[in-house]
Amino acid sequence: MDPMILSELSGNVASIGYGIAAIGPGIGIGIIVGKTAEATARQPELRSQLQTTMFIGIAFTEILTLLAIVTGLIFGGTA
């Protein structure tokens, strides 16, 4: 088979994989924000502490997502 076709095919499959991989963190961030809103409604005096914890959780989730995408780009290019 032509190497150019294989290269294009693996690039398209990688793009779909990155899109699917973004679904998990999106769901995770939605859960984090929802639970923080619920906790704030129950304990309004803890709002600032809850928001700080929420932003740290969101940051970790985004870092893992970016790490997965970068790793895929680095190792996907060698195939």
N, C-alpha and C. Protein backbone atom coordinates (compact mmCIF):
# COMPACT_ATOMS: atom_id res chain seq x y z
N MET A 1 0.83 -1.18 0.00
CA MET A 1 0.00 0.00 0.00
C MET A 1 0.88 1.24 0.00
N ASP A 2 0.38 2.31 -0.55
CA ASP A 2 1.12 3.56 -0.66
C ASP A 2 1.34 4.17 0.73
N PRO A 3 2.59 4.51 1.10
CA PRO A 3 2.87 5.07 2.43
C PRO A 3 2.14 6.39 2.67
N MET A 4 1.90 7.15 1.61
CA MET A 4 1.20 8.42 1.77
C MET A 4 -0.25 8.19 2.23
N ILE A 5 -0.88 7.17 1.68
CA ILE A 5 -2.25 6.85 2.07
C ILE A 5 -2.29 6.39 3.53
N LEU A 6 -1.31 5.57 3.93
CA LEU A 6 -1.26 5.11 5.32
C LEU A 6 -1.04 6.27 6.27
N SER A 7 -0.19 7.21 5.89
CA SER A 7 0.07 8.38 6.73
C SER A 7 -1.19 9.21 6.89
N GLU A 8 -1.91 9.42 5.80
CA GLU A 8 -3.13 10.21 5.86
C GLU A 8 -4.20 9.49 6.68
N LEU A 9 -4.28 8.18 6.54
CA LEU A 9 -5.26 7.40 7.28
C LEU A 9 -4.97 7.44 8.77
N SER A 10 -3.72 7.28 9.16
CA SER A 10 -3.40 7.31 10.59
C SER A 10 -3.63 8.70 11.17
N GLY A 11 -3.43 9.75 10.39
CA GLY A 11 -3.71 11.10 10.86
C GLY A 11 -5.19 11.31 11.10
N ASN A 12 -6.02 10.78 10.21
CA ASN A 12 -7.47 10.92 10.39
C ASN A 12 -7.95 10.13 11.60
N VAL A 13 -7.43 8.95 11.79
CA VAL A 13 -7.81 8.13 12.94
C VAL A 13 -7.37 8.82 14.23
N ALA A 14 -6.19 9.43 14.22
CA ALA A 14 -5.71 10.15 15.39
C ALA A 14 -6.62 11.32 15.72
N SER A 15 -7.08 12.03 14.71
CA SER A 15 -7.98 13.17 14.95
C SER A 15 -9.28 12.71 15.60
N ILE A 16 -9.82 11.62 15.15
CA ILE A 16 -11.04 11.08 15.76
C ILE A 16 -10.76 10.64 17.19
N GLY A 17 -9.61 10.03 17.40
CA GLY A 17 -9.23 9.60 18.75
C GLY A 17 -9.10 10.78 19.71
N TYR A 18 -8.52 11.89 19.25
CA TYR A 18 -8.39 13.06 20.11
C TYR A 18 -9.77 13.62 20.45
N GLY A 19 -10.67 13.62 19.50
CA GLY A 19 -12.03 14.10 19.75
C GLY A 19 -12.75 13.24 20.77
N ILE A 20 -12.62 11.94 20.64
CA ILE A 20 -13.25 11.03 21.59
C ILE A 20 -12.60 11.17 22.97
N ALA A 21 -11.28 11.37 22.99
CA ALA A 21 -10.58 11.51 24.26
C ALA A 21 -10.99 12.78 25.00
N ALA A 22 -11.47 13.78 24.30
CA ALA A 22 -11.89 15.02 24.95
C ALA A 22 -13.24 14.89 25.64
N ILE A 23 -13.99 13.83 25.34
CA ILE A 23 -15.30 13.65 25.95
C ILE A 23 -15.17 13.38 27.45
N GLY A 24 -14.23 12.55 27.83
CA GLY A 24 -14.04 12.19 29.24
C GLY A 24 -13.76 13.39 30.13
N PRO A 25 -12.76 14.19 29.80
CA PRO A 25 -12.51 15.39 30.62
C PRO A 25 -13.67 16.37 30.62
N GLY A 26 -14.39 16.46 29.51
CA GLY A 26 -15.56 17.34 29.48
C GLY A 26 -16.62 16.89 30.47
N ILE A 27 -16.84 15.59 30.54
CA ILE A 27 -17.80 15.05 31.51
C ILE A 27 -17.27 15.27 32.93
N GLY A 28 -15.98 15.04 33.12
CA GLY A 28 -15.38 15.22 34.45
C GLY A 28 -15.50 16.65 34.95
N ILE A 29 -15.22 17.61 34.08
CA ILE A 29 -15.33 19.01 34.48
C ILE A 29 -16.78 19.37 34.78
N GLY A 30 -17.70 18.84 34.00
CA GLY A 30 -19.11 19.08 34.28
C GLY A 30 -19.51 18.56 35.65
N ILE A 31 -19.03 17.39 36.00
CA ILE A 31 -19.33 16.83 37.32
C ILE A 31 -18.71 17.68 38.42
N ILE A 32 -17.46 18.11 38.23
CA ILE A 32 -16.78 18.94 39.23
C ILE A 32 -17.56 20.22 39.48
N VAL A 33 -17.94 20.91 38.42
CA VAL A 33 -18.64 22.18 38.56
C VAL A 33 -20.03 21.96 39.18
N GLY A 34 -20.72 20.91 38.76
CA GLY A 34 -22.04 20.63 39.31
C GLY A 34 -21.99 20.33 40.80
N LYS A 35 -21.03 19.53 41.20
CA LYS A 35 -20.92 19.19 42.62
C LYS A 35 -20.50 20.41 43.45
N THR A 36 -19.68 21.28 42.87
CA THR A 36 -19.30 22.50 43.58
C THR A 36 -20.51 23.42 43.75
N ALA A 37 -21.33 23.53 42.72
CA ALA A 37 -22.54 24.34 42.83
C ALA A 37 -23.48 23.77 43.89
N GLU A 38 -23.59 22.45 43.92
CA GLU A 38 -24.44 21.79 44.92
C GLU A 38 -23.90 22.03 46.33
N ALA A 39 -22.59 21.91 46.51
CA ALA A 39 -21.98 22.13 47.82
C ALA A 39 -22.11 23.59 48.25
N THR A 40 -22.00 24.52 47.31
CA THR A 40 -22.15 25.94 47.62
C THR A 40 -23.59 26.24 48.05
N ALA A 41 -24.56 25.59 47.43
CA ALA A 41 -25.95 25.79 47.83
C ALA A 41 -26.19 25.26 49.24
N ARG A 42 -25.49 24.22 49.62
CA ARG A 42 -25.68 23.65 50.96
C ARG A 42 -24.91 24.43 52.03
N GLN A 43 -23.71 24.90 51.66
CA GLN A 43 -22.85 25.63 52.62
C GLN A 43 -22.32 26.92 51.97
N PRO A 44 -23.14 27.96 51.88
CA PRO A 44 -22.71 29.18 51.19
C PRO A 44 -21.47 29.84 51.80
N GLU A 45 -21.24 29.63 53.09
CA GLU A 45 -20.08 30.27 53.73
C GLU A 45 -18.76 29.65 53.29
N LEU A 46 -18.79 28.49 52.68
CA LEU A 46 -17.57 27.83 52.20
C LEU A 46 -17.30 28.08 50.72
N ARG A 47 -17.99 29.04 50.14
CA ARG A 47 -17.93 29.29 48.69
C ARG A 47 -16.50 29.47 48.18
N SER A 48 -15.70 30.31 48.84
CA SER A 48 -14.35 30.58 48.33
C SER A 48 -13.46 29.34 48.40
N GLN A 49 -13.58 28.56 49.47
CA GLN A 49 -12.79 27.33 49.59
C GLN A 49 -13.21 26.30 48.53
N LEU A 50 -14.51 26.21 48.32
CA LEU A 50 -15.01 25.26 47.32
C LEU A 50 -14.57 25.66 45.91
N GLN A 51 -14.62 26.95 45.62
CA GLN A 51 -14.20 27.39 44.28
C GLN A 51 -12.72 27.15 44.06
N THR A 52 -11.92 27.38 45.08
CA THR A 52 -10.48 27.12 44.96
C THR A 52 -10.23 25.64 44.64
N THR A 53 -10.88 24.78 45.39
CA THR A 53 -10.74 23.34 45.15
C THR A 53 -11.24 22.96 43.77
N MET A 54 -12.34 23.58 43.33
CA MET A 54 -12.90 23.29 42.01
C MET A 54 -11.90 23.68 40.92
N PHE A 55 -11.31 24.87 41.04
CA PHE A 55 -10.37 25.31 40.01
C PHE A 55 -9.12 24.44 39.96
N ILE A 56 -8.67 23.96 41.11
CA ILE A 56 -7.53 23.04 41.13
C ILE A 56 -7.90 21.73 40.43
N GLY A 57 -9.10 21.22 40.69
CA GLY A 57 -9.56 20.00 40.03
C GLY A 57 -9.69 20.18 38.52
N ILE A 58 -10.22 21.32 38.10
CA ILE A 58 -10.34 21.59 36.67
C ILE A 58 -8.96 21.69 36.02
N ALA A 59 -8.02 22.33 36.72
CA ALA A 59 -6.67 22.47 36.18
C ALA A 59 -6.02 21.09 35.98
N PHE A 60 -6.15 20.21 36.97
CA PHE A 60 -5.59 18.87 36.83
C PHE A 60 -6.23 18.11 35.67
N THR A 61 -7.54 18.26 35.53
CA THR A 61 -8.24 17.58 34.44
C THR A 61 -7.75 18.08 33.09
N GLU A 62 -7.59 19.39 32.95
CA GLU A 62 -7.12 19.96 31.69
C GLU A 62 -5.67 19.57 31.40
N ILE A 63 -4.84 19.53 32.43
CA ILE A 63 -3.44 19.14 32.23
C ILE A 63 -3.36 17.71 31.71
N LEU A 64 -4.16 16.82 32.28
CA LEU A 64 -4.15 15.42 31.82
C LEU A 64 -4.63 15.33 30.37
N THR A 65 -5.60 16.14 30.01
CA THR A 65 -6.09 16.14 28.63
C THR A 65 -5.01 16.62 27.68
N LEU A 66 -4.38 17.73 28.02
CA LEU A 66 -3.31 18.25 27.15
C LEU A 66 -2.13 17.29 27.07
N LEU A 67 -1.81 16.65 28.19
CA LEU A 67 -0.73 15.67 28.19
C LEU A 67 -1.04 14.51 27.26
N ALA A 68 -2.29 14.05 27.26
CA ALA A 68 -2.68 12.95 26.36
C ALA A 68 -2.58 13.38 24.91
N ILE A 69 -3.00 14.59 24.60
CA ILE A 69 -2.95 15.06 23.21
C ILE A 69 -1.50 15.22 22.76
N VAL A 70 -0.66 15.83 23.60
CA VAL A 70 0.74 16.02 23.23
C VAL A 70 1.45 14.69 23.08
N THR A 71 1.19 13.75 23.99
CA THR A 71 1.80 12.43 23.88
C THR A 71 1.39 11.75 22.58
N GLY A 72 0.12 11.87 22.23
CA GLY A 72 -0.35 11.31 20.97
C GLY A 72 0.33 11.94 19.77
N LEU A 73 0.55 13.24 19.82
CA LEU A 73 1.23 13.92 18.72
C LEU A 73 2.69 13.49 18.62
N ILE A 74 3.34 13.37 19.77
CA ILE A 74 4.76 12.99 19.76
C ILE A 74 4.95 11.57 19.26
N PHE A 75 4.21 10.63 19.83
CA PHE A 75 4.40 9.24 19.46
C PHE A 75 3.65 8.86 18.19
N GLY A 76 2.61 9.61 17.87
CA GLY A 76 1.85 9.34 16.64
C GLY A 76 2.63 9.72 15.39
N GLY A 77 3.53 10.69 15.52
CA GLY A 77 4.31 11.13 14.37
C GLY A 77 5.40 10.15 13.97
N THR A 78 5.77 9.22 14.86
CA THR A 78 6.84 8.30 14.55
C THR A 78 6.34 7.05 13.80
N ALA A 79 5.03 6.88 13.74
CA ALA A 79 4.49 5.66 13.12
C ALA A 79 4.63 5.70 11.61
